[in-house]
Amino acid sequence: MDWYEELELKRAIRRLTMEFRMEAAAIRVRVALRRLVDWAEKGGFDPNQPRVPAGSSDGGQWTRAGSSEVDRIISIAQKLTFQAGPLSYDECLDLCYPLLERPQPRWSDRNMWDFHACMKICQGK
C-alpha cells in the first residue's frame, strides 16, 4: 500500500467516524425530544383548566371540571351519607369502585384521587 492509498484509507475512516458521530448525536436529540414530549404529555398541563380558588384549603389545585361521572357518584355518596349517616366500607366500595375503572392515561392518578375522595365522603370522614 503506497502513501496515497493509506491517506485515502485514513480519510475514509475519518469520514465514517464523523458520520457515525453525527448519527449518534441525531439519535440523542430524537431521544431527548421524545422524553420532552412524554414529560409534557404526562404533566397534562392545560393553562385553561380551572383551579380551586386561592382562599380555599385546596387553593391552586386543579379541579375536576367536566367530570360528570365523578360528580354524579360523589353526589350520591353525599346524599346517602346525609340521609342515612356514614355507609359501611363495603357499601362505599360498591359505590365508588367504578371510578377506578375509568379509562385514563397510564400516568394519571386521577382515578385513584377520585376514588379516595368518594370513599372519604361516603364514610363521612
PDB file of N, CA and C in Angstrom:
ATOM      1  N   MET A   1       0.853  -1.169   0.000  1.00  0.00           N
ATOM      2  CA  MET A   1       0.000   0.000   0.000  1.00  0.00           C
ATOM      3  C   MET A   1       0.903   1.236   0.000  1.00  0.00           C
ATOM      4  N   ASP A   2       0.695   2.080  -0.995  1.00  0.00           N
ATOM      5  CA  ASP A   2       1.521   3.278  -1.071  1.00  0.00           C
ATOM      6  C   ASP A   2       0.922   4.380  -0.186  1.00  0.00           C
ATOM      7  N   TRP A   3       1.620   5.475  -0.048  1.00  0.00           N
ATOM      8  CA  TRP A   3       1.207   6.561   0.847  1.00  0.00           C
ATOM      9  C   TRP A   3      -0.133   7.162   0.444  1.00  0.00           C
ATOM     10  N   TYR A   4      -0.418   7.213  -0.874  1.00  0.00           N
ATOM     11  CA  TYR A   4      -1.675   7.802  -1.337  1.00  0.00           C
ATOM     12  C   TYR A   4      -2.868   6.929  -0.928  1.00  0.00           C
ATOM     13  N   GLU A   5      -2.758   5.624  -1.074  1.00  0.00           N
ATOM     14  CA  GLU A   5      -3.831   4.707  -0.670  1.00  0.00           C
ATOM     15  C   GLU A   5      -4.038   4.757   0.842  1.00  0.00           C
ATOM     16  N   GLU A   6      -2.931   4.866   1.569  1.00  0.00           N
ATOM     17  CA  GLU A   6      -3.022   4.972   3.032  1.00  0.00           C
ATOM     18  C   GLU A   6      -3.721   6.266   3.438  1.00  0.00           C
ATOM     19  N   LEU A   7      -3.414   7.369   2.745  1.00  0.00           N
ATOM     20  CA  LEU A   7      -4.064   8.641   3.002  1.00  0.00           C
ATOM     21  C   LEU A   7      -5.559   8.555   2.710  1.00  0.00           C
ATOM     22  N   GLU A   8      -5.922   7.946   1.595  1.00  0.00           N
ATOM     23  CA  GLU A   8      -7.333   7.782   1.240  1.00  0.00           C
ATOM     24  C   GLU A   8      -8.059   6.905   2.263  1.00  0.00           C
ATOM     25  N   LEU A   9      -7.396   5.867   2.739  1.00  0.00           N
ATOM     26  CA  LEU A   9      -7.990   4.986   3.754  1.00  0.00           C
ATOM     27  C   LEU A   9      -8.225   5.761   5.055  1.00  0.00           C
ATOM     28  N   LYS A  10      -7.267   6.565   5.472  1.00  0.00           N
ATOM     29  CA  LYS A  10      -7.431   7.382   6.680  1.00  0.00           C
ATOM     30  C   LYS A  10      -8.575   8.377   6.513  1.00  0.00           C
ATOM     31  N   ARG A  11      -8.679   8.995   5.327  1.00  0.00           N
ATOM     32  CA  ARG A  11      -9.779   9.921   5.070  1.00  0.00           C
ATOM     33  C   ARG A  11     -11.133   9.209   5.137  1.00  0.00           C
ATOM     34  N   ALA A  12     -11.212   8.022   4.566  1.00  0.00           N
ATOM     35  CA  ALA A  12     -12.460   7.252   4.578  1.00  0.00           C
ATOM     36  C   ALA A  12     -12.837   6.883   6.010  1.00  0.00           C
ATOM     37  N   ILE A  13     -11.860   6.474   6.791  1.00  0.00           N
ATOM     38  CA  ILE A  13     -12.124   6.125   8.193  1.00  0.00           C
ATOM     39  C   ILE A  13     -12.583   7.360   8.957  1.00  0.00           C
ATOM     40  N   ARG A  14     -11.931   8.498   8.740  1.00  0.00           N
ATOM     41  CA  ARG A  14     -12.309   9.741   9.403  1.00  0.00           C
ATOM     42  C   ARG A  14     -13.738  10.153   9.007  1.00  0.00           C
ATOM     43  N   ARG A  15     -14.071  10.023   7.707  1.00  0.00           N
ATOM     44  CA  ARG A  15     -15.411  10.374   7.224  1.00  0.00           C
ATOM     45  C   ARG A  15     -16.468   9.459   7.854  1.00  0.00           C
ATOM     46  N   LEU A  16     -16.195   8.157   7.890  1.00  0.00           N
ATOM     47  CA  LEU A  16     -17.138   7.216   8.501  1.00  0.00           C
ATOM     48  C   LEU A  16     -17.302   7.487   9.993  1.00  0.00           C
ATOM     49  N   THR A  17     -16.205   7.816  10.657  1.00  0.00           N
ATOM     50  CA  THR A  17     -16.267   8.146  12.081  1.00  0.00           C
ATOM     51  C   THR A  17     -17.142   9.363  12.311  1.00  0.00           C
ATOM     52  N   MET A  18     -16.977  10.365  11.482  1.00  0.00           N
ATOM     53  CA  MET A  18     -17.801  11.571  11.615  1.00  0.00           C
ATOM     54  C   MET A  18     -19.274  11.260  11.333  1.00  0.00           C
ATOM     55  N   GLU A  19     -19.537  10.428  10.335  1.00  0.00           N
ATOM     56  CA  GLU A  19     -20.918  10.049  10.042  1.00  0.00           C
ATOM     57  C   GLU A  19     -21.543   9.313  11.226  1.00  0.00           C
ATOM     58  N   PHE A  20     -20.790   8.400  11.828  1.00  0.00           N
ATOM     59  CA  PHE A  20     -21.300   7.676  13.000  1.00  0.00           C
ATOM     60  C   PHE A  20     -21.566   8.629  14.159  1.00  0.00           C
ATOM     61  N   ARG A  21     -20.661   9.562  14.369  1.00  0.00           N
ATOM     62  CA  ARG A  21     -20.855  10.539  15.447  1.00  0.00           C
ATOM     63  C   ARG A  21     -22.087  11.409  15.202  1.00  0.00           C
ATOM     64  N   MET A  22     -22.286  11.823  13.940  1.00  0.00           N
ATOM     65  CA  MET A  22     -23.458  12.641  13.619  1.00  0.00           C
ATOM     66  C   MET A  22     -24.741  11.828  13.802  1.00  0.00           C
ATOM     67  N   GLU A  23     -24.720  10.566  13.411  1.00  0.00           N
ATOM     68  CA  GLU A  23     -25.907   9.724  13.590  1.00  0.00           C
ATOM     69  C   GLU A  23     -26.191   9.507  15.079  1.00  0.00           C
ATOM     70  N   ALA A  24     -25.145   9.296  15.870  1.00  0.00           N
ATOM     71  CA  ALA A  24     -25.331   9.132  17.318  1.00  0.00           C
ATOM     72  C   ALA A  24     -25.885  10.408  17.939  1.00  0.00           C
ATOM     73  N   ALA A  25     -25.404  11.562  17.495  1.00  0.00           N
ATOM     74  CA  ALA A  25     -25.925  12.835  18.008  1.00  0.00           C
ATOM     75  C   ALA A  25     -27.387  13.008  17.614  1.00  0.00           C
ATOM     76  N   ALA A  26     -27.731  12.625  16.383  1.00  0.00           N
ATOM     77  CA  ALA A  26     -29.126  12.727  15.937  1.00  0.00           C
ATOM     78  C   ALA A  26     -30.029  11.817  16.771  1.00  0.00           C
ATOM     79  N   ILE A  27     -29.551  10.646  17.092  1.00  0.00           N
ATOM     80  CA  ILE A  27     -30.337   9.719  17.935  1.00  0.00           C
ATOM     81  C   ILE A  27     -30.522  10.314  19.327  1.00  0.00           C
ATOM     82  N   ARG A  28     -29.467  10.894  19.894  1.00  0.00           N
ATOM     83  CA  ARG A  28     -29.588  11.518  21.213  1.00  0.00           C
ATOM     84  C   ARG A  28     -30.602  12.661  21.198  1.00  0.00           C
ATOM     85  N   VAL A  29     -30.608  13.437  20.130  1.00  0.00           N
ATOM     86  CA  VAL A  29     -31.577  14.536  20.006  1.00  0.00           C
ATOM     87  C   VAL A  29     -32.993  13.982  19.927  1.00  0.00           C
ATOM     88  N   ARG A  30     -33.199  12.937  19.116  1.00  0.00           N
ATOM     89  CA  ARG A  30     -34.536  12.337  18.998  1.00  0.00           C
ATOM     90  C   ARG A  30     -35.009  11.779  20.332  1.00  0.00           C
ATOM     91  N   VAL A  31     -34.118  11.122  21.068  1.00  0.00           N
ATOM     92  CA  VAL A  31     -34.473  10.580  22.387  1.00  0.00           C
ATOM     93  C   VAL A  31     -34.828  11.714  23.346  1.00  0.00           C
ATOM     94  N   ALA A  32     -34.033  12.770  23.339  1.00  0.00           N
ATOM     95  CA  ALA A  32     -34.313  13.912  24.225  1.00  0.00           C
ATOM     96  C   ALA A  32     -35.650  14.556  23.881  1.00  0.00           C
ATOM     97  N   LEU A  33     -35.947  14.705  22.598  1.00  0.00           N
ATOM     98  CA  LEU A  33     -37.234  15.277  22.200  1.00  0.00           C
ATOM     99  C   LEU A  33     -38.388  14.377  22.601  1.00  0.00           C
ATOM    100  N   ARG A  34     -38.220  13.051  22.449  1.00  0.00           N
ATOM    101  CA  ARG A  34     -39.272  12.112  22.839  1.00  0.00           C
ATOM    102  C   ARG A  34     -39.522  12.203  24.348  1.00  0.00           C
ATOM    103  N   ARG A  35     -38.443  12.321  25.125  1.00  0.00           N
ATOM    104  CA  ARG A  35     -38.602  12.462  26.578  1.00  0.00           C
ATOM    105  C   ARG A  35     -39.323  13.758  26.927  1.00  0.00           C
ATOM    106  N   LEU A  36     -38.985  14.816  26.210  1.00  0.00           N
ATOM    107  CA  LEU A  36     -39.633  16.103  26.451  1.00  0.00           C
ATOM    108  C   LEU A  36     -41.126  16.023  26.132  1.00  0.00           C
ATOM    109  N   VAL A  37     -41.467  15.398  25.014  1.00  0.00           N
ATOM    110  CA  VAL A  37     -42.877  15.247  24.643  1.00  0.00           C
ATOM    111  C   VAL A  37     -43.598  14.385  25.674  1.00  0.00           C
ATOM    112  N   ASP A  38     -42.978  13.267  26.076  1.00  0.00           N
ATOM    113  CA  ASP A  38     -43.589  12.405  27.097  1.00  0.00           C
ATOM    114  C   ASP A  38     -43.797  13.171  28.395  1.00  0.00           C
ATOM    115  N   TRP A  39     -42.804  13.957  28.796  1.00  0.00           N
ATOM    116  CA  TRP A  39     -42.915  14.729  30.031  1.00  0.00           C
ATOM    117  C   TRP A  39     -44.063  15.729  29.932  1.00  0.00           C
ATOM    118  N   ALA A  40     -44.151  16.408  28.778  1.00  0.00           N
ATOM    119  CA  ALA A  40     -45.221  17.395  28.599  1.00  0.00           C
ATOM    120  C   ALA A  40     -46.592  16.724  28.615  1.00  0.00           C
ATOM    121  N   GLU A  41     -46.697  15.553  27.961  1.00  0.00           N
ATOM    122  CA  GLU A  41     -47.976  14.835  27.959  1.00  0.00           C
ATOM    123  C   GLU A  41     -48.300  14.298  29.344  1.00  0.00           C
ATOM    124  N   LYS A  42     -47.288  13.812  30.034  1.00  0.00           N
ATOM    125  CA  LYS A  42     -47.513  13.266  31.373  1.00  0.00           C
ATOM    126  C   LYS A  42     -47.989  14.346  32.328  1.00  0.00           C
ATOM    127  N   GLY A  43     -47.406  15.509  32.204  1.00  0.00           N
ATOM    128  CA  GLY A  43     -47.820  16.610  33.063  1.00  0.00           C
ATOM    129  C   GLY A  43     -49.260  17.001  32.831  1.00  0.00           C
ATOM    130  N   GLY A  44     -49.746  16.756  31.619  1.00  0.00           N
ATOM    131  CA  GLY A  44     -51.121  17.096  31.304  1.00  0.00           C
ATOM    132  C   GLY A  44     -51.431  18.561  31.531  1.00  0.00           C
ATOM    133  N   PHE A  45     -50.443  19.401  31.356  1.00  0.00           N
ATOM    134  CA  PHE A  45     -50.623  20.816  31.652  1.00  0.00           C
ATOM    135  C   PHE A  45     -51.594  21.457  30.674  1.00  0.00           C
ATOM    136  N   ASP A  46     -52.587  22.115  31.190  1.00  0.00           N
ATOM    137  CA  ASP A  46     -53.533  22.883  30.394  1.00  0.00           C
ATOM    138  C   ASP A  46     -53.766  24.187  31.133  1.00  0.00           C
ATOM    139  N   PRO A  47     -53.223  25.294  30.626  1.00  0.00           N
ATOM    140  CA  PRO A  47     -53.363  26.558  31.347  1.00  0.00           C
ATOM    141  C   PRO A  47     -54.813  27.011  31.475  1.00  0.00           C
ATOM    142  N   ASN A  48     -55.710  26.454  30.661  1.00  0.00           N
ATOM    143  CA  ASN A  48     -57.116  26.845  30.709  1.00  0.00           C
ATOM    144  C   ASN A  48     -57.937  25.999  31.675  1.00  0.00           C
ATOM    145  N   GLN A  49     -57.336  24.960  32.236  1.00  0.00           N
ATOM    146  CA  GLN A  49     -58.077  24.106  33.168  1.00  0.00           C
ATOM    147  C   GLN A  49     -58.335  24.880  34.461  1.00  0.00           C
ATOM    148  N   PRO A  50     -59.573  24.865  34.947  1.00  0.00           N
ATOM    149  CA  PRO A  50     -59.882  25.641  36.151  1.00  0.00           C
ATOM    150  C   PRO A  50     -59.182  25.094  37.394  1.00  0.00           C
ATOM    151  N   ARG A  51     -58.944  26.000  38.328  1.00  0.00           N
ATOM    152  CA  ARG A  51     -58.317  25.642  39.598  1.00  0.00           C
ATOM    153  C   ARG A  51     -59.228  26.044  40.743  1.00  0.00           C
ATOM    154  N   VAL A  52     -58.972  25.429  41.888  1.00  0.00           N
ATOM    155  CA  VAL A  52     -59.705  25.790  43.096  1.00  0.00           C
ATOM    156  C   VAL A  52     -59.265  27.194  43.501  1.00  0.00           C
ATOM    157  N   PRO A  53     -60.200  28.076  43.913  1.00  0.00           N
ATOM    158  CA  PRO A  53     -59.818  29.441  44.296  1.00  0.00           C
ATOM    159  C   PRO A  53     -58.779  29.467  45.410  1.00  0.00           C
ATOM    160  N   ALA A  54     -57.960  30.500  45.406  1.00  0.00           N
ATOM    161  CA  ALA A  54     -56.828  30.616  46.336  1.00  0.00           C
ATOM    162  C   ALA A  54     -57.249  30.635  47.799  1.00  0.00           C
ATOM    163  N   GLY A  55     -58.420  31.148  48.155  1.00  0.00           N
ATOM    164  CA  GLY A  55     -58.825  31.241  49.556  1.00  0.00           C
ATOM    165  C   GLY A  55     -59.186  29.910  50.190  1.00  0.00           C
ATOM    166  N   SER A  56     -59.451  28.880  49.402  1.00  0.00           N
ATOM    167  CA  SER A  56     -59.893  27.585  49.934  1.00  0.00           C
ATOM    168  C   SER A  56     -58.696  26.760  50.398  1.00  0.00           C
ATOM    169  N   SER A  57     -58.960  25.716  51.183  1.00  0.00           N
ATOM    170  CA  SER A  57     -57.871  24.876  51.694  1.00  0.00           C
ATOM    171  C   SER A  57     -57.158  24.127  50.573  1.00  0.00           C
ATOM    172  N   ASP A  58     -57.854  23.843  49.475  1.00  0.00           N
ATOM    173  CA  ASP A  58     -57.248  23.177  48.318  1.00  0.00           C
ATOM    174  C   ASP A  58     -56.840  24.186  47.256  1.00  0.00           C
ATOM    175  N   GLY A  59     -56.692  25.437  47.623  1.00  0.00           N
ATOM    176  CA  GLY A  59     -56.439  26.512  46.667  1.00  0.00           C
ATOM    177  C   GLY A  59     -55.274  26.244  45.744  1.00  0.00           C
ATOM    178  N   GLY A  60     -55.506  26.511  44.460  1.00  0.00           N
ATOM    179  CA  GLY A  60     -54.469  26.349  43.450  1.00  0.00           C
ATOM    180  C   GLY A  60     -54.444  24.985  42.796  1.00  0.00           C
ATOM    181  N   GLN A  61     -55.125  24.004  43.376  1.00  0.00           N
ATOM    182  CA  GLN A  61     -55.119  22.669  42.784  1.00  0.00           C
ATOM    183  C   GLN A  61     -56.099  22.615  41.620  1.00  0.00           C
ATOM    184  N   TRP A  62     -55.845  21.679  40.703  1.00  0.00           N
ATOM    185  CA  TRP A  62     -56.735  21.513  39.557  1.00  0.00           C
ATOM    186  C   TRP A  62     -58.093  20.994  40.026  1.00  0.00           C
ATOM    187  N   THR A  63     -59.151  21.417  39.358  1.00  0.00           N
ATOM    188  CA  THR A  63     -60.487  20.906  39.671  1.00  0.00           C
ATOM    189  C   THR A  63     -60.842  19.797  38.700  1.00  0.00           C
ATOM    190  N   ARG A  64     -61.947  19.144  38.972  1.00  0.00           N
ATOM    191  CA  ARG A  64     -62.401  18.059  38.110  1.00  0.00           C
ATOM    192  C   ARG A  64     -63.473  18.557  37.152  1.00  0.00           C
ATOM    193  N   ALA A  65     -63.282  19.675  36.552  1.00  0.00           N
ATOM    194  CA  ALA A  65     -64.297  20.241  35.656  1.00  0.00           C
ATOM    195  C   ALA A  65     -64.603  19.266  34.534  1.00  0.00           C
ATOM    196  N   GLY A  66     -65.881  19.091  34.251  1.00  0.00           N
ATOM    197  CA  GLY A  66     -66.294  18.235  33.153  1.00  0.00           C
ATOM    198  C   GLY A  66     -66.319  16.764  33.493  1.00  0.00           C
ATOM    199  N   SER A  67     -66.159  16.420  34.741  1.00  0.00           N
ATOM    200  CA  SER A  67     -66.133  15.025  35.134  1.00  0.00           C
ATOM    201  C   SER A  67     -67.493  14.657  35.710  1.00  0.00           C
ATOM    202  N   SER A  68     -68.473  14.509  34.850  1.00  0.00           N
ATOM    203  CA  SER A  68     -69.853  14.309  35.300  1.00  0.00           C
ATOM    204  C   SER A  68     -70.036  12.988  36.035  1.00  0.00           C
ATOM    205  N   GLU A  69     -69.328  11.943  35.642  1.00  0.00           N
ATOM    206  CA  GLU A  69     -69.465  10.656  36.329  1.00  0.00           C
ATOM    207  C   GLU A  69     -68.972  10.764  37.768  1.00  0.00           C
ATOM    208  N   VAL A  70     -67.851  11.411  37.951  1.00  0.00           N
ATOM    209  CA  VAL A  70     -67.307  11.603  39.301  1.00  0.00           C
ATOM    210  C   VAL A  70     -68.281  12.431  40.133  1.00  0.00           C
ATOM    211  N   ASP A  71     -68.730  13.527  39.568  1.00  0.00           N
ATOM    212  CA  ASP A  71     -69.661  14.389  40.288  1.00  0.00           C
ATOM    213  C   ASP A  71     -70.944  13.647  40.653  1.00  0.00           C
ATOM    214  N   ARG A  72     -71.425  12.820  39.738  1.00  0.00           N
ATOM    215  CA  ARG A  72     -72.659  12.064  39.990  1.00  0.00           C
ATOM    216  C   ARG A  72     -72.454  11.071  41.145  1.00  0.00           C
ATOM    217  N   ILE A  73     -71.371  10.324  41.114  1.00  0.00           N
ATOM    218  CA  ILE A  73     -71.120   9.318  42.163  1.00  0.00           C
ATOM    219  C   ILE A  73     -70.874   9.988  43.508  1.00  0.00           C
ATOM    220  N   ILE A  74     -70.097  11.056  43.521  1.00  0.00           N
ATOM    221  CA  ILE A  74     -69.831  11.756  44.785  1.00  0.00           C
ATOM    222  C   ILE A  74     -71.110  12.386  45.316  1.00  0.00           C
ATOM    223  N   SER A  75     -71.945  12.893  44.432  1.00  0.00           N
ATOM    224  CA  SER A  75     -73.221  13.467  44.867  1.00  0.00           C
ATOM    225  C   SER A  75     -74.117  12.397  45.493  1.00  0.00           C
ATOM    226  N   ILE A  76     -74.117  11.197  44.913  1.00  0.00           N
ATOM    227  CA  ILE A  76     -74.884  10.078  45.510  1.00  0.00           C
ATOM    228  C   ILE A  76     -74.331   9.752  46.887  1.00  0.00           C
ATOM    229  N   ALA A  77     -72.990   9.702  47.004  1.00  0.00           N
ATOM    230  CA  ALA A  77     -72.365   9.400  48.296  1.00  0.00           C
ATOM    231  C   ALA A  77     -72.732  10.466  49.331  1.00  0.00           C
ATOM    232  N   GLN A  78     -72.729  11.722  48.931  1.00  0.00           N
ATOM    233  CA  GLN A  78     -73.080  12.799  49.861  1.00  0.00           C
ATOM    234  C   GLN A  78     -74.542  12.692  50.300  1.00  0.00           C
ATOM    235  N   LYS A  79     -75.434  12.414  49.358  1.00  0.00           N
ATOM    236  CA  LYS A  79     -76.856  12.283  49.700  1.00  0.00           C
ATOM    237  C   LYS A  79     -77.096  11.114  50.637  1.00  0.00           C
ATOM    238  N   LEU A  80     -76.464   9.970  50.334  1.00  0.00           N
ATOM    239  CA  LEU A  80     -76.655   8.797  51.192  1.00  0.00           C
ATOM    240  C   LEU A  80     -76.090   9.039  52.592  1.00  0.00           C
ATOM    241  N   THR A  81     -74.937   9.677  52.655  1.00  0.00           N
ATOM    242  CA  THR A  81     -74.319   9.965  53.951  1.00  0.00           C
ATOM    243  C   THR A  81     -75.171  10.949  54.741  1.00  0.00           C
ATOM    244  N   PHE A  82     -75.711  11.944  54.055  1.00  0.00           N
ATOM    245  CA  PHE A  82     -76.548  12.939  54.712  1.00  0.00           C
ATOM    246  C   PHE A  82     -77.845  12.303  55.235  1.00  0.00           C
ATOM    247  N   GLN A  83     -78.454  11.424  54.430  1.00  0.00           N
ATOM    248  CA  GLN A  83     -79.742  10.828  54.787  1.00  0.00           C
ATOM    249  C   GLN A  83     -79.611   9.715  55.828  1.00  0.00           C
ATOM    250  N   ALA A  84     -78.611   8.849  55.641  1.00  0.00           N
ATOM    251  CA  ALA A  84     -78.542   7.659  56.497  1.00  0.00           C
ATOM    252  C   ALA A  84     -77.306   7.601  57.377  1.00  0.00           C
ATOM    253  N   GLY A  85     -76.469   8.601  57.326  1.00  0.00           N
ATOM    254  CA  GLY A  85     -75.220   8.555  58.075  1.00  0.00           C
ATOM    255  C   GLY A  85     -74.174   7.819  57.258  1.00  0.00           C
ATOM    256  N   PRO A  86     -72.961   7.731  57.768  1.00  0.00           N
ATOM    257  CA  PRO A  86     -71.883   7.078  57.025  1.00  0.00           C
ATOM    258  C   PRO A  86     -72.244   5.637  56.658  1.00  0.00           C
ATOM    259  N   LEU A  87     -71.878   5.255  55.458  1.00  0.00           N
ATOM    260  CA  LEU A  87     -72.149   3.903  54.982  1.00  0.00           C
ATOM    261  C   LEU A  87     -71.019   2.971  55.394  1.00  0.00           C
ATOM    262  N   SER A  88     -71.279   1.672  55.284  1.00  0.00           N
ATOM    263  CA  SER A  88     -70.227   0.697  55.601  1.00  0.00           C
ATOM    264  C   SER A  88     -69.160   0.737  54.508  1.00  0.00           C
ATOM    265  N   TYR A  89     -68.010   0.173  54.813  1.00  0.00           N
ATOM    266  CA  TYR A  89     -66.905   0.157  53.857  1.00  0.00           C
ATOM    267  C   TYR A  89     -67.316  -0.550  52.572  1.00  0.00           C
ATOM    268  N   ASP A  90     -67.998  -1.697  52.697  1.00  0.00           N
ATOM    269  CA  ASP A  90     -68.404  -2.463  51.513  1.00  0.00           C
ATOM    270  C   ASP A  90     -69.397  -1.693  50.650  1.00  0.00           C
ATOM    271  N   GLU A  91     -70.340  -0.991  51.287  1.00  0.00           N
ATOM    272  CA  GLU A  91     -71.298  -0.193  50.522  1.00  0.00           C
ATOM    273  C   GLU A  91     -70.586   0.940  49.785  1.00  0.00           C
ATOM    274  N   CYS A  92     -69.646   1.567  50.465  1.00  0.00           N
ATOM    275  CA  CYS A  92     -68.882   2.643  49.832  1.00  0.00           C
ATOM    276  C   CYS A  92     -68.030   2.106  48.688  1.00  0.00           C
ATOM    277  N   LEU A  93     -67.448   0.938  48.898  1.00  0.00           N
ATOM    278  CA  LEU A  93     -66.634   0.322  47.863  1.00  0.00           C
ATOM    279  C   LEU A  93     -67.473   0.024  46.621  1.00  0.00           C
ATOM    280  N   ASP A  94     -68.672  -0.503  46.817  1.00  0.00           N
ATOM    281  CA  ASP A  94     -69.562  -0.777  45.685  1.00  0.00           C
ATOM    282  C   ASP A  94     -69.907   0.508  44.931  1.00  0.00           C
ATOM    283  N   LEU A  95     -70.124   1.577  45.659  1.00  0.00           N
ATOM    284  CA  LEU A  95     -70.499   2.839  45.041  1.00  0.00           C
ATOM    285  C   LEU A  95     -69.318   3.493  44.320  1.00  0.00           C
ATOM    286  N   CYS A  96     -68.155   3.492  44.943  1.00  0.00           N
ATOM    287  CA  CYS A  96     -67.018   4.258  44.445  1.00  0.00           C
ATOM    288  C   CYS A  96     -66.090   3.487  43.500  1.00  0.00           C
ATOM    289  N   TYR A  97     -66.140   2.178  43.510  1.00  0.00           N
ATOM    290  CA  TYR A  97     -65.197   1.383  42.716  1.00  0.00           C
ATOM    291  C   TYR A  97     -65.228   1.703  41.218  1.00  0.00           C
ATOM    292  N   PRO A  98     -66.383   2.000  40.614  1.00  0.00           N
ATOM    293  CA  PRO A  98     -66.370   2.322  39.178  1.00  0.00           C
ATOM    294  C   PRO A  98     -65.444   3.479  38.808  1.00  0.00           C
ATOM    295  N   LEU A  99     -65.136   4.328  39.767  1.00  0.00           N
ATOM    296  CA  LEU A  99     -64.216   5.431  39.480  1.00  0.00           C
ATOM    297  C   LEU A  99     -62.816   4.922  39.147  1.00  0.00           C
ATOM    298  N   LEU A 100     -62.447   3.761  39.683  1.00  0.00           N
ATOM    299  CA  LEU A 100     -61.127   3.200  39.403  1.00  0.00           C
ATOM    300  C   LEU A 100     -61.054   2.580  38.017  1.00  0.00           C
ATOM    301  N   GLU A 101     -62.195   2.249  37.441  1.00  0.00           N
ATOM    302  CA  GLU A 101     -62.215   1.524  36.172  1.00  0.00           C
ATOM    303  C   GLU A 101     -62.331   2.421  34.946  1.00  0.00           C
ATOM    304  N   ARG A 102     -62.380   3.727  35.155  1.00  0.00           N
ATOM    305  CA  ARG A 102     -62.478   4.633  34.003  1.00  0.00           C
ATOM    306  C   ARG A 102     -61.194   4.605  33.197  1.00  0.00           C
ATOM    307  N   PRO A 103     -61.299   4.721  31.867  1.00  0.00           N
ATOM    308  CA  PRO A 103     -60.069   4.780  31.064  1.00  0.00           C
ATOM    309  C   PRO A 103     -59.329   6.092  31.312  1.00  0.00           C
ATOM    310  N   GLN A 104     -58.063   5.979  31.611  1.00  0.00           N
ATOM    311  CA  GLN A 104     -57.198   7.137  31.848  1.00  0.00           C
ATOM    312  C   GLN A 104     -55.830   6.837  31.253  1.00  0.00           C
ATOM    313  N   PRO A 105     -55.041   7.855  30.965  1.00  0.00           N
ATOM    314  CA  PRO A 105     -53.656   7.597  30.545  1.00  0.00           C
ATOM    315  C   PRO A 105     -52.921   6.844  31.653  1.00  0.00           C
ATOM    316  N   ARG A 106     -51.951   6.027  31.282  1.00  0.00           N
ATOM    317  CA  ARG A 106     -51.258   5.171  32.261  1.00  0.00           C
ATOM    318  C   ARG A 106     -50.561   5.960  33.359  1.00  0.00           C
ATOM    319  N   TRP A 107     -50.237   7.201  33.105  1.00  0.00           N
ATOM    320  CA  TRP A 107     -49.522   8.009  34.087  1.00  0.00           C
ATOM    321  C   TRP A 107     -50.462   8.753  35.032  1.00  0.00           C
ATOM    322  N   SER A 108     -51.759   8.706  34.762  1.00  0.00           N
ATOM    323  CA  SER A 108     -52.698   9.520  35.529  1.00  0.00           C
ATOM    324  C   SER A 108     -53.083   8.862  36.859  1.00  0.00           C
ATOM    325  N   ASP A 109     -53.127   9.674  37.902  1.00  0.00           N
ATOM    326  CA  ASP A 109     -53.590   9.224  39.218  1.00  0.00           C
ATOM    327  C   ASP A 109     -55.002   9.716  39.501  1.00  0.00           C
ATOM    328  N   ARG A 110     -55.641  10.300  38.511  1.00  0.00           N
ATOM    329  CA  ARG A 110     -56.950  10.917  38.715  1.00  0.00           C
ATOM    330  C   ARG A 110     -57.969   9.915  39.254  1.00  0.00           C
ATOM    331  N   ASN A 111     -58.001   8.699  38.703  1.00  0.00           N
ATOM    332  CA  ASN A 111     -58.971   7.713  39.181  1.00  0.00           C
ATOM    333  C   ASN A 111     -58.767   7.415  40.661  1.00  0.00           C
ATOM    334  N   MET A 112     -57.522   7.273  41.070  1.00  0.00           N
ATOM    335  CA  MET A 112     -57.232   6.969  42.473  1.00  0.00           C
ATOM    336  C   MET A 112     -57.649   8.129  43.380  1.00  0.00           C
ATOM    337  N   TRP A 113     -57.353   9.357  42.954  1.00  0.00           N
ATOM    338  CA  TRP A 113     -57.740  10.533  43.744  1.00  0.00           C
ATOM    339  C   TRP A 113     -59.261  10.609  43.889  1.00  0.00           C
ATOM    340  N   ASP A 114     -59.960  10.417  42.770  1.00  0.00           N
ATOM    341  CA  ASP A 114     -61.425  10.492  42.810  1.00  0.00           C
ATOM    342  C   ASP A 114     -62.013   9.375  43.659  1.00  0.00           C
ATOM    343  N   PHE A 115     -61.430   8.179  43.561  1.00  0.00           N
ATOM    344  CA  PHE A 115     -61.897   7.049  44.361  1.00  0.00           C
ATOM    345  C   PHE A 115     -61.747   7.346  45.852  1.00  0.00           C
ATOM    346  N   HIS A 116     -60.582   7.838  46.247  1.00  0.00           N
ATOM    347  CA  HIS A 116     -60.350   8.138  47.670  1.00  0.00           C
ATOM    348  C   HIS A 116     -61.258   9.261  48.162  1.00  0.00           C
ATOM    349  N   ALA A 117     -61.474  10.272  47.323  1.00  0.00           N
ATOM    350  CA  ALA A 117     -62.389  11.354  47.712  1.00  0.00           C
ATOM    351  C   ALA A 117     -63.790  10.805  47.922  1.00  0.00           C
ATOM    352  N   CYS A 118     -64.225   9.943  47.013  1.00  0.00           N
ATOM    353  CA  CYS A 118     -65.549   9.337  47.126  1.00  0.00           C
ATOM    354  C   CYS A 118     -65.655   8.493  48.403  1.00  0.00           C
ATOM    355  N   MET A 119     -64.631   7.696  48.690  1.00  0.00           N
ATOM    356  CA  MET A 119     -64.653   6.839  49.891  1.00  0.00           C
ATOM    357  C   MET A 119     -64.716   7.698  51.161  1.00  0.00           C
ATOM    358  N   LYS A 120     -63.971   8.766  51.210  1.00  0.00           N
ATOM    359  CA  LYS A 120     -63.985   9.640  52.395  1.00  0.00           C
ATOM    360  C   LYS A 120     -65.379  10.255  52.607  1.00  0.00           C
ATOM    361  N   ILE A 121     -65.960  10.758  51.516  1.00  0.00           N
ATOM    362  CA  ILE A 121     -67.279  11.358  51.637  1.00  0.00           C
ATOM    363  C   ILE A 121     -68.298  10.307  52.049  1.00  0.00           C
ATOM    364  N   CYS A 122     -68.219   9.144  51.419  1.00  0.00           N
ATOM    365  CA  CYS A 122     -69.175   8.074  51.665  1.00  0.00           C
ATOM    366  C   CYS A 122     -69.117   7.594  53.128  1.00  0.00           C
ATOM    367  N   GLN A 123     -67.919   7.551  53.675  1.00  0.00           N
ATOM    368  CA  GLN A 123     -67.760   7.081  55.051  1.00  0.00           C
ATOM    369  C   GLN A 123     -67.870   8.231  56.058  1.00  0.00           C
ATOM    370  N   GLY A 124     -68.181   9.402  55.586  1.00  0.00           N
ATOM    371  CA  GLY A 124     -68.399  10.536  56.479  1.00  0.00           C
ATOM    372  C   GLY A 124     -67.132  11.077  57.110  1.00  0.00           C
ATOM    373  N   LYS A 125     -66.007  10.941  56.434  1.00  0.00           N
ATOM    374  CA  LYS A 125     -64.735  11.430  57.002  1.00  0.00           C
ATOM    375  C   LYS A 125     -64.399  12.791  56.474  1.00  0.00           C
TER     376      LYS A 125
END
